[in-house]
Amino acid sequence: MQNDWIRLKEFFIHIFLFIDKTNVESITMWNLTQNEYLTLMVGDLNCNFF
């Protein structure tokens, strides 16, 4: 159960980082495109969760 909680917490951290990244991109031109970032994030989540 402890392990599930840690994974859930990591998942929410990823979501918050994603929201933060989206906000930053709307203000400044970021090097990564939205699509590249999504690909990286999904790949990262797959490593963590599956």
N, C-alpha and C. Protein backbone atom coordinates (compact mmCIF):
# COMPACT_ATOMS: atom_id res chain seq x y z
N MET A 1 0.83 -1.20 0.00
CA MET A 1 0.00 0.00 0.00
C MET A 1 0.87 1.26 0.00
N GLN A 2 1.92 1.22 0.78
CA GLN A 2 2.85 2.36 0.84
C GLN A 2 3.42 2.66 -0.56
N ASN A 3 3.77 1.59 -1.27
CA ASN A 3 4.34 1.75 -2.60
C ASN A 3 3.34 2.39 -3.56
N ASP A 4 2.07 1.98 -3.46
CA ASP A 4 1.02 2.56 -4.30
C ASP A 4 0.87 4.05 -4.04
N TRP A 5 0.95 4.43 -2.77
CA TRP A 5 0.83 5.85 -2.40
C TRP A 5 1.97 6.66 -3.00
N ILE A 6 3.18 6.12 -2.93
CA ILE A 6 4.35 6.81 -3.50
C ILE A 6 4.16 6.98 -5.01
N ARG A 7 3.68 5.94 -5.67
CA ARG A 7 3.46 6.03 -7.11
C ARG A 7 2.39 7.06 -7.44
N LEU A 8 1.33 7.07 -6.65
CA LEU A 8 0.25 8.03 -6.85
C LEU A 8 0.75 9.45 -6.67
N LYS A 9 1.58 9.64 -5.64
CA LYS A 9 2.15 10.95 -5.36
C LYS A 9 3.03 11.39 -6.53
N GLU A 10 3.84 10.49 -7.04
CA GLU A 10 4.70 10.79 -8.20
C GLU A 10 3.86 11.17 -9.41
N PHE A 11 2.75 10.45 -9.58
CA PHE A 11 1.85 10.73 -10.70
C PHE A 11 1.32 12.17 -10.61
N PHE A 12 0.88 12.58 -9.42
CA PHE A 12 0.37 13.94 -9.25
C PHE A 12 1.47 14.98 -9.46
N ILE A 13 2.68 14.66 -9.02
CA ILE A 13 3.81 15.57 -9.26
C ILE A 13 4.02 15.77 -10.76
N HIS A 14 3.92 14.67 -11.52
CA HIS A 14 4.04 14.77 -12.98
C HIS A 14 2.94 15.66 -13.56
N ILE A 15 1.72 15.52 -13.05
CA ILE A 15 0.61 16.34 -13.53
C ILE A 15 0.87 17.81 -13.25
N PHE A 16 1.30 18.11 -12.01
CA PHE A 16 1.58 19.50 -11.65
C PHE A 16 2.71 20.08 -12.49
N LEU A 17 3.75 19.28 -12.72
CA LEU A 17 4.86 19.73 -13.56
C LEU A 17 4.38 19.99 -14.98
N PHE A 18 3.49 19.12 -15.46
CA PHE A 18 2.96 19.28 -16.81
C PHE A 18 2.16 20.58 -16.92
N ILE A 19 1.31 20.86 -15.92
CA ILE A 19 0.53 22.09 -15.92
C ILE A 19 1.45 23.30 -15.87
N ASP A 20 2.47 23.21 -15.01
CA ASP A 20 3.43 24.30 -14.89
C ASP A 20 4.17 24.54 -16.21
N LYS A 21 4.58 23.45 -16.87
CA LYS A 21 5.28 23.54 -18.14
C LYS A 21 4.39 24.18 -19.20
N THR A 22 3.10 23.82 -19.20
CA THR A 22 2.16 24.38 -20.16
C THR A 22 2.02 25.88 -19.95
N ASN A 23 1.94 26.30 -18.69
CA ASN A 23 1.84 27.73 -18.38
C ASN A 23 3.10 28.48 -18.81
N VAL A 24 4.25 27.91 -18.55
CA VAL A 24 5.52 28.53 -18.95
C VAL A 24 5.58 28.67 -20.47
N GLU A 25 5.13 27.63 -21.18
CA GLU A 25 5.17 27.68 -22.64
C GLU A 25 4.28 28.76 -23.21
N SER A 26 3.17 29.06 -22.53
CA SER A 26 2.27 30.09 -23.04
C SER A 26 2.88 31.48 -22.86
N ILE A 27 3.84 31.61 -21.93
CA ILE A 27 4.47 32.90 -21.66
C ILE A 27 5.74 33.06 -22.50
N THR A 28 6.58 32.03 -22.52
CA THR A 28 7.84 32.10 -23.26
C THR A 28 7.91 30.97 -24.29
N MET A 29 8.72 31.17 -25.32
CA MET A 29 8.90 30.11 -26.31
C MET A 29 9.90 29.10 -25.76
N TRP A 30 9.41 27.87 -25.53
CA TRP A 30 10.24 26.82 -24.93
C TRP A 30 10.91 26.02 -26.04
N ASN A 31 12.05 25.42 -25.71
CA ASN A 31 12.78 24.63 -26.71
C ASN A 31 12.00 23.39 -27.14
N LEU A 32 11.41 22.71 -26.17
CA LEU A 32 10.62 21.54 -26.50
C LEU A 32 9.25 21.96 -27.01
N THR A 33 8.80 21.31 -28.06
CA THR A 33 7.43 21.54 -28.50
C THR A 33 6.50 20.78 -27.56
N GLN A 34 5.23 21.13 -27.57
CA GLN A 34 4.25 20.46 -26.71
C GLN A 34 4.22 18.96 -26.99
N ASN A 35 4.30 18.61 -28.27
CA ASN A 35 4.23 17.20 -28.66
C ASN A 35 5.43 16.42 -28.12
N GLU A 36 6.63 16.98 -28.25
CA GLU A 36 7.83 16.32 -27.73
C GLU A 36 7.73 16.14 -26.23
N TYR A 37 7.22 17.17 -25.55
CA TYR A 37 7.11 17.09 -24.09
C TYR A 37 6.12 16.00 -23.68
N LEU A 38 4.99 15.93 -24.38
CA LEU A 38 4.00 14.89 -24.10
C LEU A 38 4.59 13.50 -24.31
N THR A 39 5.35 13.35 -25.39
CA THR A 39 5.99 12.06 -25.67
C THR A 39 6.95 11.68 -24.56
N LEU A 40 7.76 12.64 -24.10
CA LEU A 40 8.69 12.39 -23.01
C LEU A 40 7.96 12.03 -21.73
N MET A 41 6.88 12.76 -21.44
CA MET A 41 6.14 12.53 -20.20
C MET A 41 5.47 11.17 -20.21
N VAL A 42 4.84 10.82 -21.34
CA VAL A 42 4.18 9.52 -21.44
C VAL A 42 5.21 8.40 -21.32
N GLY A 43 6.37 8.56 -21.97
CA GLY A 43 7.44 7.58 -21.87
C GLY A 43 7.92 7.44 -20.44
N ASP A 44 8.05 8.56 -19.75
CA ASP A 44 8.50 8.56 -18.36
C ASP A 44 7.48 7.87 -17.47
N LEU A 45 6.19 8.15 -17.69
CA LEU A 45 5.14 7.52 -16.90
C LEU A 45 5.12 6.01 -17.15
N ASN A 46 5.34 5.61 -18.39
CA ASN A 46 5.38 4.17 -18.69
C ASN A 46 6.51 3.48 -17.94
N CYS A 47 7.65 4.13 -17.83
CA CYS A 47 8.77 3.57 -17.07
C CYS A 47 8.41 3.45 -15.60
N ASN A 48 7.70 4.43 -15.06
CA ASN A 48 7.40 4.44 -13.64
C ASN A 48 6.27 3.50 -13.26
N PHE A 49 5.29 3.35 -14.13
CA PHE A 49 4.05 2.69 -13.72
C PHE A 49 3.83 1.31 -14.32
N PHE A 50 4.51 1.00 -15.44
CA PHE A 50 4.17 -0.25 -16.12
C PHE A 50 5.38 -1.17 -16.28
